[in-house]
Amino acid sequence: MWNPFRSTINVASHELADSIRSRRAIVLLILYLAGSIVGTLIFIKVLHEVETQVVKAMGLDPAKNPGGVTATLWESSHFREIVVHLSGDREIAEQLLRVPPLALFYAWLSFAFAPLLVVLTAAPRIAEEVWSGSVRFALFRTSRGAWCMGKYIGQACQIFLALLLSAAGAWLVGFIRMEHFAPADSMITMFLFAVKAWIYSLAFLGLATGISQFFSSPNIATAISFVALMIMGILGAISSHLANPNTICGKIWDLVNLLIPSGHKIDLWRTDPDHVIPAVVFLFALSIAYMLIGHSYFSRRDL
């Protein structure tokens, strides 16, 4: 008897195996790791320069390694008030100030660039198999729904491994290069941010997978997914300023904010479950919804 769950897992396993054989998975892991290490090295260099200027202004001898001044500054009440003012929310600011500086930088890095890498790697996957005709052989053994879901799960597993590896790379650089580095706290916090960034990137994986089901050309699927990513970013920037539950226009933008991934990003940065759990649920729902929009067309396509 045909089992849709087992069929989906088989497709996901084949997607992982195929990515390893074709070295796509290896390239993905290298991109995430290299980007994380290079970004962290730049962050530490900039941090060291800033600390040197601060120490010189105070008439003290600069430290050889970065991190010492930042650790003291992080606890300063004046600095905390500046962060509260910049964030516009005292609760969010207080939660962020409990995060180690390097972990906070890694969170920004992963949230900023993971969606772009997801779109570039996942958007062509379904379209290229339609283009090559190999999808016809796969669909003799499974349904279109199970095949698409298996592709989605296989890509999601690769992204999760890549984000974990990038967190490990950033942590290792910080451990070697920074003074007053808190290894245990940084490791736990960076792992949690890697998981949160993965959940956030799943919405874009659903978007790329959904778009890929509309096209037979992997290049067109990638280009349209990239355009959709930019549109999401523009809508997120506009809706964050115009959303207002007290006006009709503001309510419309509030709805837009609810239907795009960036509208839930700030809640993932928080540490309390009351905000994090609803954001996780919404992002999973958006991911599946985006993919199903594409599947509503793909299920009726003549392959």
C-alpha atoms as a PDB file:
ATOM      1  CA  MET A   1       0.000   0.000   0.000  1.00  0.00           C
ATOM      2  CA  TRP A   2       1.287   3.463  -0.879  1.00  0.00           C
ATOM      3  CA  ASN A   3       2.266   5.447   2.208  1.00  0.00           C
ATOM      4  CA  PRO A   4       2.430   9.243   1.596  1.00  0.00           C
ATOM      5  CA  PHE A   5       4.545   9.859   4.717  1.00  0.00           C
ATOM      6  CA  ARG A   6       7.114   7.226   3.793  1.00  0.00           C
ATOM      7  CA  SER A   7       7.106   8.430   0.198  1.00  0.00           C
ATOM      8  CA  THR A   8       7.805  12.012   1.344  1.00  0.00           C
ATOM      9  CA  ILE A   9      10.695  10.873   3.536  1.00  0.00           C
ATOM     10  CA  ASN A  10      12.125   8.821   0.668  1.00  0.00           C
ATOM     11  CA  VAL A  11      12.049  11.861  -1.620  1.00  0.00           C
ATOM     12  CA  ALA A  12      13.693  13.982   1.093  1.00  0.00           C
ATOM     13  CA  SER A  13      16.425  11.367   1.570  1.00  0.00           C
ATOM     14  CA  HIS A  14      17.001  11.232  -2.184  1.00  0.00           C
ATOM     15  CA  GLU A  15      17.187  15.038  -2.293  1.00  0.00           C
ATOM     16  CA  LEU A  16      19.906  14.996   0.376  1.00  0.00           C
ATOM     17  CA  ALA A  17      21.812  12.177  -1.321  1.00  0.00           C
ATOM     18  CA  ASP A  18      21.561  13.891  -4.707  1.00  0.00           C
ATOM     19  CA  SER A  19      22.822  17.168  -3.216  1.00  0.00           C
ATOM     20  CA  ILE A  20      25.823  15.381  -1.724  1.00  0.00           C
ATOM     21  CA  ARG A  21      26.600  13.569  -4.992  1.00  0.00           C
ATOM     22  CA  SER A  22      26.375  16.757  -7.018  1.00  0.00           C
ATOM     23  CA  ARG A  23      28.308  18.661  -4.315  1.00  0.00           C
ATOM     24  CA  ARG A  24      25.471  21.202  -3.945  1.00  0.00           C
ATOM     25  CA  ALA A  25      25.242  20.441  -0.225  1.00  0.00           C
ATOM     26  CA  ILE A  26      29.007  20.790   0.187  1.00  0.00           C
ATOM     27  CA  VAL A  27      28.994  24.143  -1.624  1.00  0.00           C
ATOM     28  CA  LEU A  28      26.081  25.302   0.559  1.00  0.00           C
ATOM     29  CA  LEU A  29      27.906  24.340   3.759  1.00  0.00           C
ATOM     30  CA  ILE A  30      31.091  26.056   2.582  1.00  0.00           C
ATOM     31  CA  LEU A  31      29.185  29.236   1.685  1.00  0.00           C
ATOM     32  CA  TYR A  32      27.535  29.451   5.092  1.00  0.00           C
ATOM     33  CA  LEU A  33      30.738  28.605   6.984  1.00  0.00           C
ATOM     34  CA  ALA A  34      32.950  30.952   4.967  1.00  0.00           C
ATOM     35  CA  GLY A  35      30.432  33.784   5.179  1.00  0.00           C
ATOM     36  CA  SER A  36      30.113  33.340   8.933  1.00  0.00           C
ATOM     37  CA  ILE A  37      33.884  33.238   9.529  1.00  0.00           C
ATOM     38  CA  VAL A  38      34.641  36.210   7.258  1.00  0.00           C
ATOM     39  CA  GLY A  39      31.780  38.239   8.731  1.00  0.00           C
ATOM     40  CA  THR A  40      32.899  37.468  12.282  1.00  0.00           C
ATOM     41  CA  LEU A  41      36.509  38.402  11.512  1.00  0.00           C
ATOM     42  CA  ILE A  42      35.353  41.735  10.068  1.00  0.00           C
ATOM     43  CA  PHE A  43      33.151  42.325  13.122  1.00  0.00           C
ATOM     44  CA  ILE A  44      36.036  41.613  15.506  1.00  0.00           C
ATOM     45  CA  LYS A  45      38.394  43.880  13.535  1.00  0.00           C
ATOM     46  CA  VAL A  46      35.887  46.741  13.585  1.00  0.00           C
ATOM     47  CA  LEU A  47      35.210  46.097  17.270  1.00  0.00           C
ATOM     48  CA  HIS A  48      38.938  46.268  18.016  1.00  0.00           C
ATOM     49  CA  GLU A  49      39.285  49.558  16.149  1.00  0.00           C
ATOM     50  CA  VAL A  50      36.346  51.077  18.028  1.00  0.00           C
ATOM     51  CA  GLU A  51      37.705  49.886  21.364  1.00  0.00           C
ATOM     52  CA  THR A  52      41.146  51.305  20.537  1.00  0.00           C
ATOM     53  CA  GLN A  53      39.655  54.726  19.834  1.00  0.00           C
ATOM     54  CA  VAL A  54      37.584  54.632  23.028  1.00  0.00           C
ATOM     55  CA  VAL A  55      40.594  53.634  25.139  1.00  0.00           C
ATOM     56  CA  LYS A  56      42.790  56.321  23.543  1.00  0.00           C
ATOM     57  CA  ALA A  57      40.142  58.941  24.245  1.00  0.00           C
ATOM     58  CA  MET A  58      40.243  57.869  27.884  1.00  0.00           C
ATOM     59  CA  GLY A  59      44.043  58.109  27.945  1.00  0.00           C
ATOM     60  CA  LEU A  60      44.602  54.386  28.571  1.00  0.00           C
ATOM     61  CA  ASP A  61      46.740  51.782  26.832  1.00  0.00           C
ATOM     62  CA  PRO A  62      44.822  49.839  24.169  1.00  0.00           C
ATOM     63  CA  ALA A  63      44.277  46.101  24.668  1.00  0.00           C
ATOM     64  CA  LYS A  64      45.924  43.603  22.340  1.00  0.00           C
ATOM     65  CA  ASN A  65      42.727  41.591  21.764  1.00  0.00           C
ATOM     66  CA  PRO A  66      39.184  42.896  21.217  1.00  0.00           C
ATOM     67  CA  GLY A  67      36.316  42.312  23.623  1.00  0.00           C
ATOM     68  CA  GLY A  68      37.458  43.696  26.969  1.00  0.00           C
ATOM     69  CA  VAL A  69      36.123  47.226  26.585  1.00  0.00           C
ATOM     70  CA  THR A  70      32.930  45.960  24.956  1.00  0.00           C
ATOM     71  CA  ALA A  71      32.217  43.653  27.895  1.00  0.00           C
ATOM     72  CA  THR A  72      32.433  46.636  30.257  1.00  0.00           C
ATOM     73  CA  LEU A  73      30.461  48.904  27.931  1.00  0.00           C
ATOM     74  CA  TRP A  74      27.729  46.257  27.626  1.00  0.00           C
ATOM     75  CA  GLU A  75      27.062  46.630  31.355  1.00  0.00           C
ATOM     76  CA  SER A  76      27.067  50.434  31.329  1.00  0.00           C
ATOM     77  CA  SER A  77      23.738  52.048  32.258  1.00  0.00           C
ATOM     78  CA  HIS A  78      24.365  54.914  29.797  1.00  0.00           C
ATOM     79  CA  PHE A  79      24.977  52.469  26.944  1.00  0.00           C
ATOM     80  CA  ARG A  80      21.846  50.544  27.894  1.00  0.00           C
ATOM     81  CA  GLU A  81      19.769  53.707  27.674  1.00  0.00           C
ATOM     82  CA  ILE A  82      21.195  54.377  24.200  1.00  0.00           C
ATOM     83  CA  VAL A  83      20.179  50.866  23.057  1.00  0.00           C
ATOM     84  CA  VAL A  84      16.693  51.369  24.509  1.00  0.00           C
ATOM     85  CA  HIS A  85      16.375  54.629  22.584  1.00  0.00           C
ATOM     86  CA  LEU A  86      17.584  53.058  19.323  1.00  0.00           C
ATOM     87  CA  SER A  87      15.314  50.020  19.576  1.00  0.00           C
ATOM     88  CA  GLY A  88      12.279  52.033  20.657  1.00  0.00           C
ATOM     89  CA  ASP A  89      11.236  49.282  23.060  1.00  0.00           C
ATOM     90  CA  ARG A  90      12.742  48.920  26.539  1.00  0.00           C
ATOM     91  CA  GLU A  91      11.664  45.278  26.861  1.00  0.00           C
ATOM     92  CA  ILE A  92      13.360  44.244  23.601  1.00  0.00           C
ATOM     93  CA  ALA A  93      16.466  46.283  24.439  1.00  0.00           C
ATOM     94  CA  GLU A  94      16.807  44.681  27.882  1.00  0.00           C
ATOM     95  CA  GLN A  95      16.501  41.207  26.338  1.00  0.00           C
ATOM     96  CA  LEU A  96      19.101  41.964  23.664  1.00  0.00           C
ATOM     97  CA  LEU A  97      21.537  43.380  26.210  1.00  0.00           C
ATOM     98  CA  ARG A  98      21.539  40.031  27.984  1.00  0.00           C
ATOM     99  CA  VAL A  99      22.913  38.467  24.774  1.00  0.00           C
ATOM    100  CA  PRO A 100      26.717  38.253  24.289  1.00  0.00           C
ATOM    101  CA  PRO A 101      27.874  40.801  21.663  1.00  0.00           C
ATOM    102  CA  LEU A 102      29.242  38.204  19.229  1.00  0.00           C
ATOM    103  CA  ALA A 103      26.040  36.145  19.461  1.00  0.00           C
ATOM    104  CA  LEU A 104      24.035  39.270  18.702  1.00  0.00           C
ATOM    105  CA  PHE A 105      26.189  39.940  15.630  1.00  0.00           C
ATOM    106  CA  TYR A 106      25.795  36.326  14.476  1.00  0.00           C
ATOM    107  CA  ALA A 107      22.018  36.656  14.830  1.00  0.00           C
ATOM    108  CA  TRP A 108      22.002  39.749  12.629  1.00  0.00           C
ATOM    109  CA  LEU A 109      24.271  38.061  10.079  1.00  0.00           C
ATOM    110  CA  SER A 110      22.209  34.874   9.834  1.00  0.00           C
ATOM    111  CA  PHE A 111      18.835  36.643   9.705  1.00  0.00           C
ATOM    112  CA  ALA A 112      20.112  39.082   7.070  1.00  0.00           C
ATOM    113  CA  PHE A 113      21.756  36.665   4.629  1.00  0.00           C
ATOM    114  CA  ALA A 114      20.116  33.250   5.145  1.00  0.00           C
ATOM    115  CA  PRO A 115      16.983  34.190   3.109  1.00  0.00           C
ATOM    116  CA  LEU A 116      19.122  35.237   0.136  1.00  0.00           C
ATOM    117  CA  LEU A 117      21.152  32.015   0.173  1.00  0.00           C
ATOM    118  CA  VAL A 118      17.971  29.963   0.587  1.00  0.00           C
ATOM    119  CA  VAL A 119      16.394  31.571  -2.473  1.00  0.00           C
ATOM    120  CA  LEU A 120      19.517  31.109  -4.598  1.00  0.00           C
ATOM    121  CA  THR A 121      19.919  27.429  -3.695  1.00  0.00           C
ATOM    122  CA  ALA A 122      16.295  26.255  -3.424  1.00  0.00           C
ATOM    123  CA  ALA A 123      14.521  28.165  -6.198  1.00  0.00           C
ATOM    124  CA  PRO A 124      15.907  26.098  -9.109  1.00  0.00           C
ATOM    125  CA  ARG A 125      15.395  22.644  -7.561  1.00  0.00           C
ATOM    126  CA  ILE A 126      11.901  21.758  -8.824  1.00  0.00           C
ATOM    127  CA  ALA A 127      12.139  23.802 -12.030  1.00  0.00           C
ATOM    128  CA  GLU A 128      15.369  22.114 -13.129  1.00  0.00           C
ATOM    129  CA  GLU A 129      13.880  18.634 -12.742  1.00  0.00           C
ATOM    130  CA  VAL A 130      10.860  19.700 -14.786  1.00  0.00           C
ATOM    131  CA  TRP A 131      13.227  21.190 -17.362  1.00  0.00           C
ATOM    132  CA  SER A 132      15.346  18.026 -17.603  1.00  0.00           C
ATOM    133  CA  GLY A 133      12.296  15.739 -17.600  1.00  0.00           C
ATOM    134  CA  SER A 134      13.562  13.667 -14.638  1.00  0.00           C
ATOM    135  CA  VAL A 135      10.434  14.583 -12.677  1.00  0.00           C
ATOM    136  CA  ARG A 136       8.408  12.190 -14.855  1.00  0.00           C
ATOM    137  CA  PHE A 137      10.364   9.189 -13.630  1.00  0.00           C
ATOM    138  CA  ALA A 138      10.014  10.248  -9.981  1.00  0.00           C
ATOM    139  CA  LEU A 139       6.252  10.769 -10.251  1.00  0.00           C
ATOM    140  CA  PHE A 140       5.726   7.157 -11.388  1.00  0.00           C
ATOM    141  CA  ARG A 141       6.532   6.134  -7.811  1.00  0.00           C
ATOM    142  CA  THR A 142       4.965   8.929  -5.761  1.00  0.00           C
ATOM    143  CA  SER A 143       2.402  11.717  -5.852  1.00  0.00           C
ATOM    144  CA  ARG A 144       3.179  15.288  -6.831  1.00  0.00           C
ATOM    145  CA  GLY A 145       2.353  16.490  -3.326  1.00  0.00           C
ATOM    146  CA  ALA A 146       4.690  14.001  -1.631  1.00  0.00           C
ATOM    147  CA  TRP A 147       7.429  14.757  -4.157  1.00  0.00           C
ATOM    148  CA  CYS A 148       7.256  18.528  -3.606  1.00  0.00           C
ATOM    149  CA  MET A 149       7.092  18.133   0.177  1.00  0.00           C
ATOM    150  CA  GLY A 150      10.060  15.767   0.086  1.00  0.00           C
ATOM    151  CA  LYS A 151      12.044  18.338  -1.898  1.00  0.00           C
ATOM    152  CA  TYR A 152      11.095  20.973   0.670  1.00  0.00           C
ATOM    153  CA  ILE A 153      12.152  18.807   3.636  1.00  0.00           C
ATOM    154  CA  GLY A 154      15.430  17.845   1.978  1.00  0.00           C
ATOM    155  CA  GLN A 155      16.313  21.491   1.401  1.00  0.00           C
ATOM    156  CA  ALA A 156      15.228  22.408   4.945  1.00  0.00           C
ATOM    157  CA  CYS A 157      17.600  19.799   6.403  1.00  0.00           C
ATOM    158  CA  GLN A 158      20.512  21.163   4.374  1.00  0.00           C
ATOM    159  CA  ILE A 159      19.806  24.721   5.525  1.00  0.00           C
ATOM    160  CA  PHE A 160      19.608  23.623   9.164  1.00  0.00           C
ATOM    161  CA  LEU A 161      22.990  21.894   8.972  1.00  0.00           C
ATOM    162  CA  ALA A 162      24.495  24.917   7.213  1.00  0.00           C
ATOM    163  CA  LEU A 163      23.268  27.336   9.895  1.00  0.00           C
ATOM    164  CA  LEU A 164      24.559  25.118  12.695  1.00  0.00           C
ATOM    165  CA  LEU A 165      27.942  24.948  10.969  1.00  0.00           C
ATOM    166  CA  SER A 166      27.997  28.733  10.508  1.00  0.00           C
ATOM    167  CA  ALA A 167      27.252  29.214  14.222  1.00  0.00           C
ATOM    168  CA  ALA A 168      30.095  26.846  15.115  1.00  0.00           C
ATOM    169  CA  GLY A 169      32.477  28.757  12.835  1.00  0.00           C
ATOM    170  CA  ALA A 170      31.560  32.137  14.341  1.00  0.00           C
ATOM    171  CA  TRP A 171      31.880  30.739  17.877  1.00  0.00           C
ATOM    172  CA  LEU A 172      35.318  29.279  17.159  1.00  0.00           C
ATOM    173  CA  VAL A 173      36.601  32.590  15.763  1.00  0.00           C
ATOM    174  CA  GLY A 174      35.286  34.432  18.816  1.00  0.00           C
ATOM    175  CA  PHE A 175      36.828  31.878  21.172  1.00  0.00           C
ATOM    176  CA  ILE A 176      40.242  32.333  19.548  1.00  0.00           C
ATOM    177  CA  ARG A 177      40.233  36.092  18.918  1.00  0.00           C
ATOM    178  CA  MET A 178      38.201  37.770  21.684  1.00  0.00           C
ATOM    179  CA  GLU A 179      38.985  38.675  25.278  1.00  0.00           C
ATOM    180  CA  HIS A 180      36.372  38.130  27.982  1.00  0.00           C
ATOM    181  CA  PHE A 181      34.590  35.688  25.685  1.00  0.00           C
ATOM    182  CA  ALA A 182      31.874  33.671  27.437  1.00  0.00           C
ATOM    183  CA  PRO A 183      32.152  30.264  25.686  1.00  0.00           C
ATOM    184  CA  ALA A 184      29.167  28.516  27.261  1.00  0.00           C
ATOM    185  CA  ASP A 185      26.724  31.449  27.108  1.00  0.00           C
ATOM    186  CA  SER A 186      27.795  32.320  23.562  1.00  0.00           C
ATOM    187  CA  MET A 187      27.483  28.721  22.381  1.00  0.00           C
ATOM    188  CA  ILE A 188      23.958  28.302  23.764  1.00  0.00           C
ATOM    189  CA  THR A 189      22.774  31.679  22.504  1.00  0.00           C
ATOM    190  CA  MET A 190      24.271  31.231  19.033  1.00  0.00           C
ATOM    191  CA  PHE A 191      22.728  27.770  18.752  1.00  0.00           C
ATOM    192  CA  LEU A 192      19.301  29.213  19.641  1.00  0.00           C
ATOM    193  CA  PHE A 193      19.729  32.016  17.105  1.00  0.00           C
ATOM    194  CA  ALA A 194      20.777  29.473  14.464  1.00  0.00           C
ATOM    195  CA  VAL A 195      17.537  27.569  15.092  1.00  0.00           C
ATOM    196  CA  LYS A 196      15.511  30.784  14.975  1.00  0.00           C
ATOM    197  CA  ALA A 197      17.227  31.884  11.757  1.00  0.00           C
ATOM    198  CA  TRP A 198      16.403  28.456  10.298  1.00  0.00           C
ATOM    199  CA  ILE A 199      12.731  28.864  11.192  1.00  0.00           C
ATOM    200  CA  TYR A 200      12.762  32.342   9.666  1.00  0.00           C
ATOM    201  CA  SER A 201      14.447  31.061   6.493  1.00  0.00           C
ATOM    202  CA  LEU A 202      11.815  28.308   6.117  1.00  0.00           C
ATOM    203  CA  ALA A 203       9.298  30.955   5.081  1.00  0.00           C
ATOM    204  CA  PHE A 204      11.602  31.935   2.211  1.00  0.00           C
ATOM    205  CA  LEU A 205      12.199  28.268   1.406  1.00  0.00           C
ATOM    206  CA  GLY A 206       8.433  27.870   1.024  1.00  0.00           C
ATOM    207  CA  LEU A 207       8.358  30.972  -1.167  1.00  0.00           C
ATOM    208  CA  ALA A 208      11.184  29.719  -3.414  1.00  0.00           C
ATOM    209  CA  THR A 209       9.712  26.213  -3.619  1.00  0.00           C
ATOM    210  CA  GLY A 210       6.305  27.626  -4.489  1.00  0.00           C
ATOM    211  CA  ILE A 211       7.690  29.841  -7.250  1.00  0.00           C
ATOM    212  CA  SER A 212       9.813  26.987  -8.614  1.00  0.00           C
ATOM    213  CA  GLN A 213       6.636  24.983  -9.263  1.00  0.00           C
ATOM    214  CA  PHE A 214       5.402  27.581 -11.746  1.00  0.00           C
ATOM    215  CA  PHE A 215       8.351  27.409 -14.136  1.00  0.00           C
ATOM    216  CA  SER A 216      10.280  24.946 -16.266  1.00  0.00           C
ATOM    217  CA  SER A 217      13.437  27.074 -16.406  1.00  0.00           C
ATOM    218  CA  PRO A 218      15.630  27.077 -13.276  1.00  0.00           C
ATOM    219  CA  ASN A 219      17.084  30.454 -14.246  1.00  0.00           C
ATOM    220  CA  ILE A 220      13.675  32.083 -14.513  1.00  0.00           C
ATOM    221  CA  ALA A 221      12.573  30.483 -11.231  1.00  0.00           C
ATOM    222  CA  THR A 222      15.669  31.876  -9.505  1.00  0.00           C
ATOM    223  CA  ALA A 223      15.198  35.351 -10.999  1.00  0.00           C
ATOM    224  CA  ILE A 224      11.508  35.530 -10.029  1.00  0.00           C
ATOM    225  CA  SER A 225      12.313  34.267  -6.520  1.00  0.00           C
ATOM    226  CA  PHE A 226      14.963  36.962  -6.155  1.00  0.00           C
ATOM    227  CA  VAL A 227      12.466  39.622  -7.249  1.00  0.00           C
ATOM    228  CA  ALA A 228       9.918  38.240  -4.780  1.00  0.00           C
ATOM    229  CA  LEU A 229      12.558  38.426  -2.029  1.00  0.00           C
ATOM    230  CA  MET A 230      13.153  42.111  -2.793  1.00  0.00           C
ATOM    231  CA  ILE A 231       9.420  42.827  -2.857  1.00  0.00           C
ATOM    232  CA  MET A 232       9.055  41.130   0.535  1.00  0.00           C
ATOM    233  CA  GLY A 233      11.831  43.344   1.884  1.00  0.00           C
ATOM    234  CA  ILE A 234      10.225  46.517   0.527  1.00  0.00           C
ATOM    235  CA  LEU A 235       6.788  45.579   1.878  1.00  0.00           C
ATOM    236  CA  GLY A 236       8.337  44.758   5.247  1.00  0.00           C
ATOM    237  CA  ALA A 237      10.077  48.143   5.465  1.00  0.00           C
ATOM    238  CA  ILE A 238       6.913  50.042   4.511  1.00  0.00           C
ATOM    239  CA  SER A 239       4.503  48.058   6.685  1.00  0.00           C
ATOM    240  CA  SER A 240       6.723  48.355   9.778  1.00  0.00           C
ATOM    241  CA  HIS A 241       6.297  52.152   9.583  1.00  0.00           C
ATOM    242  CA  LEU A 242       2.675  52.398   8.405  1.00  0.00           C
ATOM    243  CA  ALA A 243       1.021  49.557  10.325  1.00  0.00           C
ATOM    244  CA  ASN A 244      -1.501  51.072  12.721  1.00  0.00           C
ATOM    245  CA  PRO A 245      -4.554  49.311  14.214  1.00  0.00           C
ATOM    246  CA  ASN A 246      -6.336  52.660  14.679  1.00  0.00           C
ATOM    247  CA  THR A 247      -6.728  53.600  10.988  1.00  0.00           C
ATOM    248  CA  ILE A 248      -8.118  51.755   7.966  1.00  0.00           C
ATOM    249  CA  CYS A 249      -4.937  52.232   5.933  1.00  0.00           C
ATOM    250  CA  GLY A 250      -2.879  51.234   8.963  1.00  0.00           C
ATOM    251  CA  LYS A 251      -4.944  48.058   9.412  1.00  0.00           C
ATOM    252  CA  ILE A 252      -4.255  47.087   5.798  1.00  0.00           C
ATOM    253  CA  TRP A 253      -0.510  47.474   6.340  1.00  0.00           C
ATOM    254  CA  ASP A 254      -0.855  45.607   9.612  1.00  0.00           C
ATOM    255  CA  LEU A 255      -2.367  42.702   7.639  1.00  0.00           C
ATOM    256  CA  VAL A 256       0.479  42.910   5.108  1.00  0.00           C
ATOM    257  CA  ASN A 257       2.945  42.771   7.986  1.00  0.00           C
ATOM    258  CA  LEU A 258       1.210  39.633   9.219  1.00  0.00           C
ATOM    259  CA  LEU A 259       1.477  37.892   5.823  1.00  0.00           C
ATOM    260  CA  ILE A 260       5.210  38.420   5.211  1.00  0.00           C
ATOM    261  CA  PRO A 261       8.124  36.809   7.090  1.00  0.00           C
ATOM    262  CA  SER A 262       9.755  40.045   8.253  1.00  0.00           C
ATOM    263  CA  GLY A 263       6.628  40.915  10.203  1.00  0.00           C
ATOM    264  CA  HIS A 264       7.494  38.134  12.649  1.00  0.00           C
ATOM    265  CA  LYS A 265      11.268  38.545  12.731  1.00  0.00           C
ATOM    266  CA  ILE A 266      11.424  40.895  15.712  1.00  0.00           C
ATOM    267  CA  ASP A 267       9.511  38.368  17.843  1.00  0.00           C
ATOM    268  CA  LEU A 268      12.142  35.724  17.091  1.00  0.00           C
ATOM    269  CA  TRP A 269      14.794  38.050  18.520  1.00  0.00           C
ATOM    270  CA  ARG A 270      12.982  38.046  21.851  1.00  0.00           C
ATOM    271  CA  THR A 271      13.681  35.467  24.536  1.00  0.00           C
ATOM    272  CA  ASP A 272      10.218  35.008  26.046  1.00  0.00           C
ATOM    273  CA  PRO A 273       8.060  32.120  24.701  1.00  0.00           C
ATOM    274  CA  ASP A 274       4.930  34.324  24.604  1.00  0.00           C
ATOM    275  CA  HIS A 275       6.340  36.107  21.559  1.00  0.00           C
ATOM    276  CA  VAL A 276       8.629  33.440  20.101  1.00  0.00           C
ATOM    277  CA  ILE A 277       6.087  30.590  19.853  1.00  0.00           C
ATOM    278  CA  PRO A 278       3.416  32.564  17.899  1.00  0.00           C
ATOM    279  CA  ALA A 279       6.149  33.800  15.529  1.00  0.00           C
ATOM    280  CA  VAL A 280       7.335  30.219  14.950  1.00  0.00           C
ATOM    281  CA  VAL A 281       3.779  29.052  14.247  1.00  0.00           C
ATOM    282  CA  PHE A 282       3.092  31.931  11.834  1.00  0.00           C
ATOM    283  CA  LEU A 283       6.365  31.404   9.950  1.00  0.00           C
ATOM    284  CA  PHE A 284       5.727  27.676   9.543  1.00  0.00           C
ATOM    285  CA  ALA A 285       2.200  28.463   8.332  1.00  0.00           C
ATOM    286  CA  LEU A 286       3.481  31.078   5.863  1.00  0.00           C
ATOM    287  CA  SER A 287       6.093  28.643   4.567  1.00  0.00           C
ATOM    288  CA  ILE A 288       3.524  25.947   3.846  1.00  0.00           C
ATOM    289  CA  ALA A 289       1.039  28.466   2.437  1.00  0.00           C
ATOM    290  CA  TYR A 290       3.589  29.885  -0.013  1.00  0.00           C
ATOM    291  CA  MET A 291       4.508  26.386  -1.167  1.00  0.00           C
ATOM    292  CA  LEU A 292       0.878  25.318  -1.544  1.00  0.00           C
ATOM    293  CA  ILE A 293       0.119  28.331  -3.743  1.00  0.00           C
ATOM    294  CA  GLY A 294       2.708  27.019  -6.175  1.00  0.00           C
ATOM    295  CA  HIS A 295       1.488  23.462  -5.752  1.00  0.00           C
ATOM    296  CA  SER A 296      -2.079  24.451  -6.664  1.00  0.00           C
ATOM    297  CA  TYR A 297      -0.689  25.131 -10.148  1.00  0.00           C
ATOM    298  CA  PHE A 298       1.919  22.358 -10.202  1.00  0.00           C
ATOM    299  CA  SER A 299      -0.664  19.683  -9.356  1.00  0.00           C
ATOM    300  CA  ARG A 300      -2.503  20.491 -12.623  1.00  0.00           C
ATOM    301  CA  ARG A 301       0.521  21.033 -14.869  1.00  0.00           C
ATOM    302  CA  ASP A 302       1.087  18.882 -17.918  1.00  0.00           C
ATOM    303  CA  LEU A 303       4.523  17.377 -17.269  1.00  0.00           C
END
